[in-house]
Amino acid sequence: MDFIGKTFWITGAASGMGRSVSLALAEYNTHIVISDRDAEGLQDTAKEIELLGSSVRTEHLDMLDTESIITTAQKVIQDGAKISGLYHFAGISQRSFVAETPLENDRKIMEINFFGVVALTKAVLPHMIENGGGQFAVASSLVGKFGFPYRSAYSASKHALHGFFESLFAENYKKNITVSMLIGGRIQTNISKFAINKDGNEHGKIDAGQANGISVEKAAKQILKGLRRNRREILVGGSELIILKIKRFLPGIHAKIVRKINPM
């Protein structure tokens, strides 16, 4: 992927990884569409993109609103944008045990993290194919590769994304469609702060492991390096990523480690 002069759509761009990747792309004289439900944060990101010399379009978008997702995509495409990359960062996490989590919370997490992503992808995919191809990047997680206490619905939503996008790639690789799954470890974002608890309210604090993770700027560099090479999986984080090798080669030990980790 050559970023220069191309158009990219980044969701969840008001903060965290979506914002950081948007700003990193802006250094390549790109055209950037950014979306988020946080209108104020979205405008702040847009201003920084413009200062870096790239053009930007903002779209206030809630990933729970399927109808709005579809109409927004249609509008962006009809206005002449030729989208070369759709990078999914919008999402919500969870901090509650399975036994105490009401089904409505599970559904909300799946609607945002999976169905919202699928809806936008399906709205953009035919446009990409018609224009000769494109690249999808999808924020997953270490817990998109294995289950983890206190993250059941979040983990399930990320697992679902892997299945969906692996299928999408298998169906469309001859049409120059590529997919990169971003396997995030500990990164200094507010995702744990805004995670929902058993009552459906914000968790309200940043996990210690996350607070000690890599910066969003370093994470963005890792992501763009992988996207340039069209890596199917891009590992994002620090030493904690070793858990993936333990899971693959020592599954019994991995299971014991996960059971002993304090999920808080």
Protein backbone atom coordinates (compact mmCIF):
# COMPACT_ATOMS: atom_id res chain seq x y z
CA MET A 1 0.00 0.00 0.00
CA ASP A 2 1.31 3.38 -1.07
CA PHE A 3 -0.41 6.00 1.10
CA ILE A 4 0.55 9.17 -0.81
CA GLY A 5 -2.38 11.01 -2.35
CA LYS A 6 -4.94 8.32 -1.59
CA THR A 7 -8.22 8.48 0.34
CA PHE A 8 -8.66 6.64 3.63
CA TRP A 9 -11.65 6.33 5.94
CA ILE A 10 -10.86 5.89 9.64
CA THR A 11 -13.58 5.14 12.20
CA GLY A 12 -13.19 5.89 15.89
CA ALA A 13 -10.99 8.83 14.90
CA ALA A 14 -11.86 11.18 17.76
CA SER A 15 -9.40 9.53 20.13
CA GLY A 16 -7.07 6.63 20.75
CA MET A 17 -5.77 4.51 17.92
CA GLY A 18 -8.18 5.92 15.34
CA ARG A 19 -6.95 9.43 15.99
CA SER A 20 -3.28 8.42 16.06
CA VAL A 21 -3.47 6.51 12.78
CA SER A 22 -5.37 9.41 11.17
CA LEU A 23 -2.60 11.82 12.13
CA ALA A 24 0.10 9.40 10.97
CA LEU A 25 -1.61 9.08 7.57
CA ALA A 26 -1.94 12.86 7.32
CA GLU A 27 1.83 13.11 6.94
CA TYR A 28 1.53 11.43 3.51
CA ASN A 29 -0.54 14.17 1.85
CA THR A 30 -3.61 11.97 1.94
CA HIS A 31 -7.34 12.62 1.79
CA ILE A 32 -8.90 11.44 5.02
CA VAL A 33 -12.50 10.74 5.99
CA ILE A 34 -12.84 10.45 9.76
CA SER A 35 -15.89 9.34 11.69
CA ASP A 36 -16.85 8.98 15.33
CA ARG A 37 -19.83 9.55 17.63
CA ASP A 38 -17.76 12.14 19.56
CA ALA A 39 -18.36 15.25 17.44
CA GLU A 40 -16.07 17.52 19.46
CA GLY A 41 -13.18 15.08 19.46
CA LEU A 42 -13.69 14.53 15.74
CA GLN A 43 -13.27 18.25 15.05
CA ASP A 44 -10.08 18.34 17.12
CA THR A 45 -8.63 15.49 15.06
CA ALA A 46 -9.68 17.23 11.83
CA LYS A 47 -7.86 20.42 12.80
CA GLU A 48 -4.63 18.52 13.45
CA ILE A 49 -4.93 16.67 10.14
CA GLU A 50 -5.23 19.97 8.29
CA LEU A 51 -2.19 21.34 10.10
CA LEU A 52 -0.22 18.36 8.78
CA GLY A 53 -1.18 19.27 5.21
CA SER A 54 -3.83 16.68 4.36
CA SER A 55 -7.47 17.27 3.50
CA VAL A 56 -10.15 15.91 5.82
CA ARG A 57 -13.85 15.24 5.85
CA THR A 58 -15.72 14.57 9.11
CA GLU A 59 -18.75 12.35 9.53
CA HIS A 60 -20.56 12.15 12.86
CA LEU A 61 -21.37 8.45 13.08
CA ASP A 62 -22.67 6.08 15.74
CA MET A 63 -21.80 2.45 15.00
CA LEU A 64 -25.05 1.38 16.67
CA ASP A 65 -27.04 3.12 13.92
CA THR A 66 -27.02 0.79 10.90
CA GLU A 67 -29.20 3.04 8.75
CA SER A 68 -26.92 6.02 9.36
CA ILE A 69 -23.84 3.90 8.57
CA ILE A 70 -25.24 2.93 5.18
CA THR A 71 -26.50 6.40 4.22
CA THR A 72 -23.23 8.02 5.31
CA ALA A 73 -21.20 5.62 3.17
CA GLN A 74 -23.47 6.27 0.20
CA LYS A 75 -23.08 10.01 0.66
CA VAL A 76 -19.28 9.87 0.90
CA ILE A 77 -19.05 7.74 -2.24
CA GLN A 78 -21.59 9.79 -4.19
CA ASP A 79 -19.61 12.94 -3.38
CA GLY A 80 -16.70 11.51 -5.33
CA ALA A 81 -14.41 9.95 -2.74
CA LYS A 82 -12.37 7.03 -4.10
CA ILE A 83 -11.70 5.07 -0.94
CA SER A 84 -8.44 3.12 -1.01
CA GLY A 85 -8.54 2.05 2.63
CA LEU A 86 -11.20 1.60 5.30
CA TYR A 87 -9.63 1.33 8.74
CA HIS A 88 -11.95 0.22 11.54
CA PHE A 89 -11.06 1.48 15.03
CA ALA A 90 -14.48 2.32 16.49
CA GLY A 91 -15.44 -0.07 19.25
CA ILE A 92 -16.31 -0.63 22.88
CA SER A 93 -14.86 -2.93 25.52
CA GLN A 94 -16.26 -4.63 28.59
CA ARG A 95 -15.45 -5.14 32.24
CA SER A 96 -17.82 -7.72 33.73
CA PHE A 97 -18.01 -11.46 34.36
CA VAL A 98 -20.18 -13.71 32.19
CA ALA A 99 -22.52 -14.63 35.06
CA GLU A 100 -23.29 -10.99 35.89
CA THR A 101 -23.51 -9.56 32.36
CA PRO A 102 -27.08 -9.01 31.09
CA LEU A 103 -27.74 -10.16 27.53
CA GLU A 104 -28.50 -6.60 26.46
CA ASN A 105 -24.85 -5.69 27.16
CA ASP A 106 -23.64 -8.61 25.05
CA ARG A 107 -25.89 -7.46 22.21
CA LYS A 108 -24.72 -3.86 22.45
CA ILE A 109 -21.06 -4.85 22.26
CA MET A 110 -21.72 -7.13 19.29
CA GLU A 111 -23.76 -4.43 17.52
CA ILE A 112 -20.96 -1.87 17.79
CA ASN A 113 -17.89 -4.08 17.40
CA PHE A 114 -19.21 -6.53 14.84
CA PHE A 115 -22.45 -5.58 13.08
CA GLY A 116 -21.54 -1.90 12.78
CA VAL A 117 -18.18 -2.83 11.26
CA VAL A 118 -19.85 -5.33 8.92
CA ALA A 119 -22.46 -2.78 7.81
CA LEU A 120 -19.87 -0.17 6.87
CA THR A 121 -17.64 -2.76 5.20
CA LYS A 122 -20.49 -4.03 3.04
CA ALA A 123 -21.41 -0.47 2.09
CA VAL A 124 -17.86 0.29 0.91
CA LEU A 125 -16.70 -3.06 -0.52
CA PRO A 126 -18.51 -2.84 -3.92
CA HIS A 127 -17.07 0.66 -4.39
CA MET A 128 -13.55 -0.62 -3.73
CA ILE A 129 -13.97 -3.51 -6.15
CA GLU A 130 -15.34 -1.20 -8.84
CA ASN A 131 -12.29 1.04 -8.44
CA GLY A 132 -9.73 -1.73 -8.72
CA GLY A 133 -9.32 -2.81 -5.10
CA GLY A 134 -8.66 -1.53 -1.61
CA GLN A 135 -7.46 -2.31 1.87
CA PHE A 136 -9.39 -3.07 5.05
CA ALA A 137 -7.69 -2.77 8.42
CA VAL A 138 -9.60 -4.03 11.44
CA ALA A 139 -8.76 -3.41 15.07
CA SER A 140 -8.86 -6.74 16.87
CA SER A 141 -7.07 -7.57 20.12
CA LEU A 142 -5.05 -10.23 21.86
CA VAL A 143 -8.41 -11.41 23.20
CA GLY A 144 -9.59 -11.72 19.61
CA LYS A 145 -7.20 -14.69 19.52
CA PHE A 146 -8.20 -16.27 22.83
CA GLY A 147 -10.79 -15.86 25.57
CA PHE A 148 -10.01 -13.78 28.63
CA PRO A 149 -11.75 -13.17 31.99
CA TYR A 150 -13.95 -10.07 32.27
CA ARG A 151 -14.02 -9.66 28.46
CA SER A 152 -16.43 -12.36 27.22
CA ALA A 153 -18.57 -10.32 24.82
CA TYR A 154 -15.66 -8.12 23.75
CA SER A 155 -13.55 -11.19 23.03
CA ALA A 156 -16.44 -12.81 21.15
CA SER A 157 -16.93 -9.71 18.99
CA LYS A 158 -13.27 -9.68 18.01
CA HIS A 159 -13.28 -13.43 17.27
CA ALA A 160 -16.28 -12.82 14.99
CA LEU A 161 -14.39 -10.14 13.07
CA HIS A 162 -11.59 -12.59 12.29
CA GLY A 163 -14.04 -15.07 10.81
CA PHE A 164 -15.87 -12.45 8.78
CA PHE A 165 -12.81 -10.75 7.32
CA GLU A 166 -10.94 -13.99 6.60
CA SER A 167 -13.99 -15.02 4.56
CA LEU A 168 -14.18 -11.63 2.85
CA PHE A 169 -10.52 -11.86 1.87
CA ALA A 170 -10.86 -15.41 0.54
CA GLU A 171 -13.77 -14.32 -1.65
CA ASN A 172 -12.16 -11.14 -2.97
CA TYR A 173 -8.38 -11.55 -3.09
CA LYS A 174 -8.47 -11.84 -6.89
CA LYS A 175 -10.20 -8.45 -6.95
CA ASN A 176 -7.23 -6.77 -5.24
CA ILE A 177 -8.95 -6.56 -1.86
CA THR A 178 -6.62 -6.98 1.10
CA VAL A 179 -7.33 -7.35 4.82
CA SER A 180 -5.09 -6.63 7.80
CA MET A 181 -6.20 -7.67 11.28
CA LEU A 182 -4.60 -5.50 13.95
CA ILE A 183 -3.82 -7.59 17.04
CA GLY A 184 -3.51 -5.01 19.77
CA GLY A 185 -1.86 -5.65 23.10
CA ARG A 186 -1.31 -3.03 25.77
CA ILE A 187 -1.65 0.44 24.26
CA GLN A 188 -2.21 3.70 26.13
CA THR A 189 -5.80 4.48 25.11
CA ASN A 190 -9.03 5.11 27.01
CA ILE A 191 -10.73 1.90 25.86
CA SER A 192 -10.79 0.43 29.37
CA LYS A 193 -12.09 3.70 30.83
CA PHE A 194 -15.05 3.72 28.45
CA ALA A 195 -15.70 -0.03 28.68
CA ILE A 196 -19.14 -0.94 30.02
CA ASN A 197 -19.61 -2.73 33.32
CA LYS A 198 -22.37 -5.15 34.34
CA ASP A 199 -24.80 -2.25 34.77
CA GLY A 200 -24.08 -0.88 31.30
CA ASN A 201 -22.22 2.12 32.73
CA GLU A 202 -18.67 3.23 31.96
CA HIS A 203 -15.93 1.35 33.80
CA GLY A 204 -14.44 4.76 34.57
CA LYS A 205 -10.78 3.90 35.01
CA ILE A 206 -7.80 2.86 32.92
CA ASP A 207 -6.41 -0.61 33.56
CA ALA A 208 -2.91 -0.69 35.03
CA GLY A 209 -1.59 -2.87 32.21
CA GLN A 210 -2.93 -0.48 29.62
CA ALA A 211 -1.53 2.55 31.39
CA ASN A 212 1.91 0.95 31.15
CA GLY A 213 1.54 -0.01 27.49
CA ILE A 214 3.13 1.53 24.42
CA SER A 215 2.09 5.01 23.27
CA VAL A 216 -0.53 5.43 20.56
CA GLU A 217 2.12 7.11 18.42
CA LYS A 218 4.37 4.04 18.57
CA ALA A 219 1.37 1.81 17.90
CA ALA A 220 0.44 3.87 14.83
CA LYS A 221 3.96 3.43 13.44
CA GLN A 222 3.72 -0.33 13.91
CA ILE A 223 0.35 -0.36 12.16
CA LEU A 224 1.39 1.73 9.17
CA LYS A 225 4.53 -0.36 8.72
CA GLY A 226 2.38 -3.48 8.53
CA LEU A 227 -0.22 -1.86 6.27
CA ARG A 228 2.44 -0.81 3.75
CA ARG A 229 3.32 -4.49 3.43
CA ASN A 230 -0.31 -5.68 3.43
CA ARG A 231 0.35 -7.95 6.41
CA ARG A 232 -2.63 -10.20 7.13
CA GLU A 233 -2.02 -9.85 10.86
CA ILE A 234 -0.20 -6.91 12.41
CA LEU A 235 0.94 -7.31 16.01
CA VAL A 236 0.70 -4.04 17.93
CA GLY A 237 2.21 -3.72 21.37
CA GLY A 238 5.23 -4.73 23.42
CA SER A 239 6.52 -7.77 25.28
CA GLU A 240 2.99 -8.94 26.18
CA LEU A 241 2.59 -10.18 22.60
CA ILE A 242 4.65 -13.25 23.57
CA ILE A 243 1.39 -14.69 24.91
CA LEU A 244 0.41 -15.50 21.30
CA LYS A 245 3.40 -17.83 20.91
CA ILE A 246 2.61 -19.43 24.25
CA LYS A 247 -0.98 -19.98 23.09
CA ARG A 248 0.21 -21.56 19.83
CA PHE A 249 3.00 -23.79 21.08
CA LEU A 250 2.11 -24.34 24.76
CA PRO A 251 -1.70 -24.25 24.94
CA GLY A 252 -1.88 -25.97 28.34
CA ILE A 253 0.46 -23.46 29.94
CA HIS A 254 -1.40 -20.63 28.21
CA ALA A 255 -4.69 -21.78 29.76
CA LYS A 256 -3.13 -21.76 33.23
CA ILE A 257 -1.67 -18.27 32.69
CA VAL A 258 -5.01 -16.83 31.58
CA ARG A 259 -6.83 -18.34 34.56
CA LYS A 260 -4.37 -16.71 36.96
CA ILE A 261 -4.28 -13.23 35.41
CA ASN A 262 -6.07 -10.52 37.34
CA PRO A 263 -8.43 -9.10 34.66
CA MET A 264 -8.80 -5.80 36.55
